[in-house]
Structures are given as C-alpha cells and as structure tokens.
Amino acid sequence: MASTIEAMQVATGTVVDGKVVVEGVPLQEGALVAVVTRGADEPFSLTAAQEDELLAAMAEIQRGEFVTLEQLLAELPQ
C-alpha cells in the first residue's frame, strides 16, 4: 500500500489567549497542524547524532517507507 505525504513546513508561534498564533507563514483555514512544545523548564535540543536520526526518519517517510496506522493496528495481537 503506497501513501503520499504532502509537503510540510516548520513555523514557530506564540500562545495568545490559549491559541497558537503563527506569524509570517500562510496557513489555510482548517489546516491540520502538529504542535511540539518545549518543556516548562527544559530546552529542546538534539545531539548531532539525534538530529541525523530524525532527518533520516523524515526522509524515509517522504519516500513512503512507513507503516500506516491501519497496518500497525492489523499487526498488533488481538
């Protein structure tokens, strides 16, 4: 089963009145977004090896080398 991943972009924003406000990046109304937050008192950082691993995993996804949720659920023991 082949899947397609649409192009993605990275943007930063600020929470204002409980909503994430992103400036300078056009987002379509109703667009599905993922939000990654920093810990309250812990900065987000990666080692060079972790960054390489993350970039490699993202490249695999872009090539279609991943398991869909449906495939994963079908493979889990009942």
PDB file of N, CA and C in Angstrom:
ATOM      1  N   MET A   1       0.850  -1.162   0.000  1.00  0.00           N
ATOM      2  CA  MET A   1       0.000   0.000   0.000  1.00  0.00           C
ATOM      3  C   MET A   1       0.902   1.234   0.000  1.00  0.00           C
ATOM      4  N   ALA A   2       0.715   2.116  -0.946  1.00  0.00           N
ATOM      5  CA  ALA A   2       1.507   3.336  -1.026  1.00  0.00           C
ATOM      6  C   ALA A   2       0.728   4.488  -0.425  1.00  0.00           C
ATOM      7  N   SER A   3       1.419   5.370   0.226  1.00  0.00           N
ATOM      8  CA  SER A   3       0.810   6.559   0.802  1.00  0.00           C
ATOM      9  C   SER A   3       1.572   7.772   0.331  1.00  0.00           C
ATOM     10  N   THR A   4       0.917   8.910   0.383  1.00  0.00           N
ATOM     11  CA  THR A   4       1.542  10.155  -0.033  1.00  0.00           C
ATOM     12  C   THR A   4       1.561  11.116   1.138  1.00  0.00           C
ATOM     13  N   ILE A   5       2.670  11.799   1.288  1.00  0.00           N
ATOM     14  CA  ILE A   5       2.778  12.838   2.310  1.00  0.00           C
ATOM     15  C   ILE A   5       2.902  14.163   1.593  1.00  0.00           C
ATOM     16  N   GLU A   6       2.055  15.075   1.966  1.00  0.00           N
ATOM     17  CA  GLU A   6       2.106  16.409   1.386  1.00  0.00           C
ATOM     18  C   GLU A   6       3.336  17.139   1.914  1.00  0.00           C
ATOM     19  N   ALA A   7       3.748  18.176   1.201  1.00  0.00           N
ATOM     20  CA  ALA A   7       4.881  18.987   1.649  1.00  0.00           C
ATOM     21  C   ALA A   7       4.558  19.592   3.013  1.00  0.00           C
ATOM     22  N   MET A   8       5.565  19.705   3.842  1.00  0.00           N
ATOM     23  CA  MET A   8       5.383  20.271   5.174  1.00  0.00           C
ATOM     24  C   MET A   8       6.275  21.485   5.336  1.00  0.00           C
ATOM     25  N   GLN A   9       5.918  22.317   6.275  1.00  0.00           N
ATOM     26  CA  GLN A   9       6.735  23.480   6.602  1.00  0.00           C
ATOM     27  C   GLN A   9       6.846  23.573   8.108  1.00  0.00           C
ATOM     28  N   VAL A  10       7.880  24.218   8.581  1.00  0.00           N
ATOM     29  CA  VAL A  10       8.096  24.407  10.008  1.00  0.00           C
ATOM     30  C   VAL A  10       7.874  25.877  10.313  1.00  0.00           C
ATOM     31  N   ALA A  11       7.122  26.138  11.353  1.00  0.00           N
ATOM     32  CA  ALA A  11       6.841  27.510  11.753  1.00  0.00           C
ATOM     33  C   ALA A  11       6.868  27.575  13.272  1.00  0.00           C
ATOM     34  N   THR A  12       7.143  28.735  13.794  1.00  0.00           N
ATOM     35  CA  THR A  12       7.085  28.938  15.235  1.00  0.00           C
ATOM     36  C   THR A  12       5.966  29.913  15.531  1.00  0.00           C
ATOM     37  N   GLY A  13       5.475  29.843  16.727  1.00  0.00           N
ATOM     38  CA  GLY A  13       4.388  30.727  17.118  1.00  0.00           C
ATOM     39  C   GLY A  13       4.417  30.974  18.610  1.00  0.00           C
ATOM     40  N   THR A  14       3.439  31.724  19.054  1.00  0.00           N
ATOM     41  CA  THR A  14       3.306  32.080  20.457  1.00  0.00           C
ATOM     42  C   THR A  14       1.868  31.824  20.879  1.00  0.00           C
ATOM     43  N   VAL A  15       1.681  31.349  22.090  1.00  0.00           N
ATOM     44  CA  VAL A  15       0.331  31.150  22.596  1.00  0.00           C
ATOM     45  C   VAL A  15      -0.196  32.484  23.094  1.00  0.00           C
ATOM     46  N   VAL A  16      -1.343  32.889  22.559  1.00  0.00           N
ATOM     47  CA  VAL A  16      -2.004  34.133  22.944  1.00  0.00           C
ATOM     48  C   VAL A  16      -3.457  33.789  23.252  1.00  0.00           C
ATOM     49  N   ASP A  17      -3.886  34.065  24.462  1.00  0.00           N
ATOM     50  CA  ASP A  17      -5.259  33.752  24.878  1.00  0.00           C
ATOM     51  C   ASP A  17      -5.616  32.288  24.609  1.00  0.00           C
ATOM     52  N   GLY A  18      -4.665  31.381  24.854  1.00  0.00           N
ATOM     53  CA  GLY A  18      -4.915  29.963  24.707  1.00  0.00           C
ATOM     54  C   GLY A  18      -4.866  29.437  23.285  1.00  0.00           C
ATOM     55  N   LYS A  19      -4.519  30.275  22.311  1.00  0.00           N
ATOM     56  CA  LYS A  19      -4.440  29.848  20.913  1.00  0.00           C
ATOM     57  C   LYS A  19      -3.037  30.095  20.395  1.00  0.00           C
ATOM     58  N   VAL A  20      -2.571  29.210  19.505  1.00  0.00           N
ATOM     59  CA  VAL A  20      -1.253  29.373  18.914  1.00  0.00           C
ATOM     60  C   VAL A  20      -1.354  30.374  17.767  1.00  0.00           C
ATOM     61  N   VAL A  21      -0.552  31.431  17.855  1.00  0.00           N
ATOM     62  CA  VAL A  21      -0.522  32.455  16.824  1.00  0.00           C
ATOM     63  C   VAL A  21       0.794  32.321  16.076  1.00  0.00           C
ATOM     64  N   VAL A  22       0.687  32.059  14.765  1.00  0.00           N
ATOM     65  CA  VAL A  22       1.855  31.905  13.907  1.00  0.00           C
ATOM     66  C   VAL A  22       1.864  33.082  12.946  1.00  0.00           C
ATOM     67  N   GLU A  23       2.970  33.804  12.926  1.00  0.00           N
ATOM     68  CA  GLU A  23       3.063  34.958  12.048  1.00  0.00           C
ATOM     69  C   GLU A  23       4.036  34.685  10.912  1.00  0.00           C
ATOM     70  N   GLY A  24       3.722  35.196   9.726  1.00  0.00           N
ATOM     71  CA  GLY A  24       4.630  35.113   8.603  1.00  0.00           C
ATOM     72  C   GLY A  24       4.553  33.834   7.792  1.00  0.00           C
ATOM     73  N   VAL A  25       3.681  32.913   8.179  1.00  0.00           N
ATOM     74  CA  VAL A  25       3.535  31.657   7.447  1.00  0.00           C
ATOM     75  C   VAL A  25       2.064  31.514   7.074  1.00  0.00           C
ATOM     76  N   PRO A  26       1.760  31.455   5.782  1.00  0.00           N
ATOM     77  CA  PRO A  26       0.347  31.312   5.397  1.00  0.00           C
ATOM     78  C   PRO A  26      -0.164  29.906   5.678  1.00  0.00           C
ATOM     79  N   LEU A  27      -1.191  29.799   6.480  1.00  0.00           N
ATOM     80  CA  LEU A  27      -1.825  28.517   6.782  1.00  0.00           C
ATOM     81  C   LEU A  27      -3.275  28.599   6.324  1.00  0.00           C
ATOM     82  N   GLN A  28      -3.740  27.567   5.629  1.00  0.00           N
ATOM     83  CA  GLN A  28      -5.115  27.548   5.159  1.00  0.00           C
ATOM     84  C   GLN A  28      -6.055  27.306   6.326  1.00  0.00           C
ATOM     85  N   GLU A  29      -7.212  27.931   6.286  1.00  0.00           N
ATOM     86  CA  GLU A  29      -8.231  27.718   7.309  1.00  0.00           C
ATOM     87  C   GLU A  29      -8.555  26.231   7.367  1.00  0.00           C
ATOM     88  N   GLY A  30      -8.546  25.675   8.549  1.00  0.00           N
ATOM     89  CA  GLY A  30      -8.844  24.267   8.735  1.00  0.00           C
ATOM     90  C   GLY A  30      -7.667  23.335   8.517  1.00  0.00           C
ATOM     91  N   ALA A  31      -6.478  23.898   8.254  1.00  0.00           N
ATOM     92  CA  ALA A  31      -5.302  23.062   8.024  1.00  0.00           C
ATOM     93  C   ALA A  31      -4.994  22.244   9.271  1.00  0.00           C
ATOM     94  N   LEU A  32      -4.601  20.991   9.077  1.00  0.00           N
ATOM     95  CA  LEU A  32      -4.194  20.124  10.184  1.00  0.00           C
ATOM     96  C   LEU A  32      -2.742  20.438  10.511  1.00  0.00           C
ATOM     97  N   VAL A  33      -2.456  20.730  11.756  1.00  0.00           N
ATOM     98  CA  VAL A  33      -1.105  21.076  12.168  1.00  0.00           C
ATOM     99  C   VAL A  33      -0.710  20.219  13.363  1.00  0.00           C
ATOM    100  N   ALA A  34       0.598  20.029  13.554  1.00  0.00           N
ATOM    101  CA  ALA A  34       1.132  19.364  14.734  1.00  0.00           C
ATOM    102  C   ALA A  34       1.899  20.412  15.525  1.00  0.00           C
ATOM    103  N   VAL A  35       1.746  20.389  16.820  1.00  0.00           N
ATOM    104  CA  VAL A  35       2.407  21.365  17.674  1.00  0.00           C
ATOM    105  C   VAL A  35       3.348  20.630  18.616  1.00  0.00           C
ATOM    106  N   VAL A  36       4.605  21.019  18.614  1.00  0.00           N
ATOM    107  CA  VAL A  36       5.596  20.470  19.529  1.00  0.00           C
ATOM    108  C   VAL A  36       5.982  21.599  20.464  1.00  0.00           C
ATOM    109  N   THR A  37       5.855  21.365  21.756  1.00  0.00           N
ATOM    110  CA  THR A  37       6.167  22.421  22.705  1.00  0.00           C
ATOM    111  C   THR A  37       7.420  22.095  23.488  1.00  0.00           C
ATOM    112  N   ARG A  38       8.036  23.125  23.961  1.00  0.00           N
ATOM    113  CA  ARG A  38       9.189  22.963  24.851  1.00  0.00           C
ATOM    114  C   ARG A  38       8.668  22.730  26.255  1.00  0.00           C
ATOM    115  N   GLY A  39       9.425  21.971  27.035  1.00  0.00           N
ATOM    116  CA  GLY A  39       9.051  21.762  28.420  1.00  0.00           C
ATOM    117  C   GLY A  39       9.103  23.083  29.178  1.00  0.00           C
ATOM    118  N   ALA A  40       8.367  23.153  30.253  1.00  0.00           N
ATOM    119  CA  ALA A  40       8.278  24.391  31.006  1.00  0.00           C
ATOM    120  C   ALA A  40       9.646  24.879  31.475  1.00  0.00           C
ATOM    121  N   ASP A  41      10.505  23.954  31.850  1.00  0.00           N
ATOM    122  CA  ASP A  41      11.813  24.369  32.340  1.00  0.00           C
ATOM    123  C   ASP A  41      12.937  23.543  31.722  1.00  0.00           C
ATOM    124  N   GLU A  42      12.690  23.030  30.517  1.00  0.00           N
ATOM    125  CA  GLU A  42      13.697  22.213  29.856  1.00  0.00           C
ATOM    126  C   GLU A  42      13.785  22.602  28.379  1.00  0.00           C
ATOM    127  N   PRO A  43      14.935  23.061  27.919  1.00  0.00           N
ATOM    128  CA  PRO A  43      15.055  23.443  26.499  1.00  0.00           C
ATOM    129  C   PRO A  43      15.035  22.221  25.592  1.00  0.00           C
ATOM    130  N   PHE A  44      14.643  22.433  24.357  1.00  0.00           N
ATOM    131  CA  PHE A  44      14.614  21.365  23.364  1.00  0.00           C
ATOM    132  C   PHE A  44      15.932  21.397  22.614  1.00  0.00           C
ATOM    133  N   SER A  45      16.666  20.316  22.655  1.00  0.00           N
ATOM    134  CA  SER A  45      17.931  20.260  21.924  1.00  0.00           C
ATOM    135  C   SER A  45      18.202  18.821  21.516  1.00  0.00           C
ATOM    136  N   LEU A  46      18.947  18.675  20.432  1.00  0.00           N
ATOM    137  CA  LEU A  46      19.329  17.367  19.932  1.00  0.00           C
ATOM    138  C   LEU A  46      20.835  17.321  19.754  1.00  0.00           C
ATOM    139  N   THR A  47      21.393  16.165  19.965  1.00  0.00           N
ATOM    140  CA  THR A  47      22.794  15.973  19.620  1.00  0.00           C
ATOM    141  C   THR A  47      22.880  15.873  18.100  1.00  0.00           C
ATOM    142  N   ALA A  48      24.057  15.940  17.563  1.00  0.00           N
ATOM    143  CA  ALA A  48      24.232  15.798  16.120  1.00  0.00           C
ATOM    144  C   ALA A  48      23.715  14.438  15.658  1.00  0.00           C
ATOM    145  N   ALA A  49      23.972  13.399  16.444  1.00  0.00           N
ATOM    146  CA  ALA A  49      23.510  12.055  16.085  1.00  0.00           C
ATOM    147  C   ALA A  49      21.986  11.975  16.114  1.00  0.00           C
ATOM    148  N   GLN A  50      21.361  12.577  17.115  1.00  0.00           N
ATOM    149  CA  GLN A  50      19.903  12.571  17.196  1.00  0.00           C
ATOM    150  C   GLN A  50      19.289  13.342  16.030  1.00  0.00           C
ATOM    151  N   GLU A  51      19.894  14.467  15.684  1.00  0.00           N
ATOM    152  CA  GLU A  51      19.395  15.254  14.561  1.00  0.00           C
ATOM    153  C   GLU A  51      19.525  14.453  13.260  1.00  0.00           C
ATOM    154  N   ASP A  52      20.646  13.768  13.075  1.00  0.00           N
ATOM    155  CA  ASP A  52      20.835  12.928  11.895  1.00  0.00           C
ATOM    156  C   ASP A  52      19.774  11.830  11.840  1.00  0.00           C
ATOM    157  N   GLU A  53      19.493  11.214  12.980  1.00  0.00           N
ATOM    158  CA  GLU A  53      18.495  10.151  13.042  1.00  0.00           C
ATOM    159  C   GLU A  53      17.107  10.692  12.708  1.00  0.00           C
ATOM    160  N   LEU A  54      16.779  11.856  13.238  1.00  0.00           N
ATOM    161  CA  LEU A  54      15.490  12.475  12.957  1.00  0.00           C
ATOM    162  C   LEU A  54      15.359  12.813  11.474  1.00  0.00           C
ATOM    163  N   LEU A  55      16.394  13.397  10.894  1.00  0.00           N
ATOM    164  CA  LEU A  55      16.363  13.756   9.474  1.00  0.00           C
ATOM    165  C   LEU A  55      16.263  12.506   8.596  1.00  0.00           C
ATOM    166  N   ALA A  56      16.945  11.432   8.982  1.00  0.00           N
ATOM    167  CA  ALA A  56      16.863  10.180   8.233  1.00  0.00           C
ATOM    168  C   ALA A  56      15.452   9.601   8.301  1.00  0.00           C
ATOM    169  N   ALA A  57      14.836   9.659   9.466  1.00  0.00           N
ATOM    170  CA  ALA A  57      13.471   9.152   9.627  1.00  0.00           C
ATOM    171  C   ALA A  57      12.492   9.978   8.795  1.00  0.00           C
ATOM    172  N   MET A  58      12.681  11.282   8.766  1.00  0.00           N
ATOM    173  CA  MET A  58      11.814  12.140   7.962  1.00  0.00           C
ATOM    174  C   MET A  58      11.978  11.823   6.474  1.00  0.00           C
ATOM    175  N   ALA A  59      13.192  11.551   6.051  1.00  0.00           N
ATOM    176  CA  ALA A  59      13.449  11.204   4.654  1.00  0.00           C
ATOM    177  C   ALA A  59      12.767   9.873   4.302  1.00  0.00           C
ATOM    178  N   GLU A  60      12.787   8.910   5.228  1.00  0.00           N
ATOM    179  CA  GLU A  60      12.105   7.639   5.000  1.00  0.00           C
ATOM    180  C   GLU A  60      10.614   7.867   4.790  1.00  0.00           C
ATOM    181  N   ILE A  61      10.030   8.703   5.600  1.00  0.00           N
ATOM    182  CA  ILE A  61       8.601   8.999   5.477  1.00  0.00           C
ATOM    183  C   ILE A  61       8.319   9.650   4.131  1.00  0.00           C
ATOM    184  N   GLN A  62       9.158  10.587   3.739  1.00  0.00           N
ATOM    185  CA  GLN A  62       8.957  11.256   2.460  1.00  0.00           C
ATOM    186  C   GLN A  62       9.060  10.281   1.289  1.00  0.00           C
ATOM    187  N   ARG A  63       9.846   9.222   1.437  1.00  0.00           N
ATOM    188  CA  ARG A  63       9.968   8.196   0.393  1.00  0.00           C
ATOM    189  C   ARG A  63       8.827   7.186   0.458  1.00  0.00           C
ATOM    190  N   GLY A  64       7.952   7.336   1.448  1.00  0.00           N
ATOM    191  CA  GLY A  64       6.836   6.400   1.586  1.00  0.00           C
ATOM    192  C   GLY A  64       7.177   5.154   2.364  1.00  0.00           C
ATOM    193  N   GLU A  65       8.307   5.162   3.058  1.00  0.00           N
ATOM    194  CA  GLU A  65       8.754   3.997   3.824  1.00  0.00           C
ATOM    195  C   GLU A  65       8.280   4.109   5.268  1.00  0.00           C
ATOM    196  N   PHE A  66       6.999   3.811   5.458  1.00  0.00           N
ATOM    197  CA  PHE A  66       6.440   3.862   6.800  1.00  0.00           C
ATOM    198  C   PHE A  66       5.258   2.917   6.875  1.00  0.00           C
ATOM    199  N   VAL A  67       4.784   2.670   8.080  1.00  0.00           N
ATOM    200  CA  VAL A  67       3.629   1.817   8.316  1.00  0.00           C
ATOM    201  C   VAL A  67       2.468   2.731   8.679  1.00  0.00           C
ATOM    202  N   THR A  68       1.318   2.519   8.022  1.00  0.00           N
ATOM    203  CA  THR A  68       0.144   3.323   8.341  1.00  0.00           C
ATOM    204  C   THR A  68      -0.447   2.869   9.670  1.00  0.00           C
ATOM    205  N   LEU A  69      -1.302   3.677  10.234  1.00  0.00           N
ATOM    206  CA  LEU A  69      -1.970   3.306  11.478  1.00  0.00           C
ATOM    207  C   LEU A  69      -2.766   2.023  11.275  1.00  0.00           C
ATOM    208  N   GLU A  70      -3.439   1.904  10.149  1.00  0.00           N
ATOM    209  CA  GLU A  70      -4.230   0.713   9.873  1.00  0.00           C
ATOM    210  C   GLU A  70      -3.345  -0.537   9.834  1.00  0.00           C
ATOM    211  N   GLN A  71      -2.172  -0.420   9.181  1.00  0.00           N
ATOM    212  CA  GLN A  71      -1.249  -1.557   9.128  1.00  0.00           C
ATOM    213  C   GLN A  71      -0.752  -1.922  10.517  1.00  0.00           C
ATOM    214  N   LEU A  72      -0.402  -0.919  11.315  1.00  0.00           N
ATOM    215  CA  LEU A  72       0.081  -1.156  12.665  1.00  0.00           C
ATOM    216  C   LEU A  72      -0.994  -1.862  13.508  1.00  0.00           C
ATOM    217  N   LEU A  73      -2.207  -1.363  13.448  1.00  0.00           N
ATOM    218  CA  LEU A  73      -3.284  -1.959  14.238  1.00  0.00           C
ATOM    219  C   LEU A  73      -3.567  -3.393  13.793  1.00  0.00           C
ATOM    220  N   ALA A  74      -3.461  -3.655  12.489  1.00  0.00           N
ATOM    221  CA  ALA A  74      -3.704  -5.010  11.982  1.00  0.00           C
ATOM    222  C   ALA A  74      -2.629  -5.979  12.451  1.00  0.00           C
ATOM    223  N   GLU A  75      -1.422  -5.496  12.717  1.00  0.00           N
ATOM    224  CA  GLU A  75      -0.322  -6.357  13.129  1.00  0.00           C
ATOM    225  C   GLU A  75      -0.269  -6.579  14.639  1.00  0.00           C
ATOM    226  N   LEU A  76      -0.989  -5.796  15.410  1.00  0.00           N
ATOM    227  CA  LEU A  76      -0.970  -5.955  16.864  1.00  0.00           C
ATOM    228  C   LEU A  76      -1.736  -7.205  17.274  1.00  0.00           C
ATOM    229  N   PRO A  77      -1.272  -7.896  18.313  1.00  0.00           N
ATOM    230  CA  PRO A  77      -2.008  -9.072  18.781  1.00  0.00           C
ATOM    231  C   PRO A  77      -3.380  -8.649  19.308  1.00  0.00           C
ATOM    232  N   GLN A  78      -4.353  -9.485  19.056  1.00  0.00           N
ATOM    233  CA  GLN A  78      -5.723  -9.187  19.489  1.00  0.00           C
ATOM    234  C   GLN A  78      -5.936  -9.547  20.931  1.00  0.00           C
TER     235      GLN A  78
END
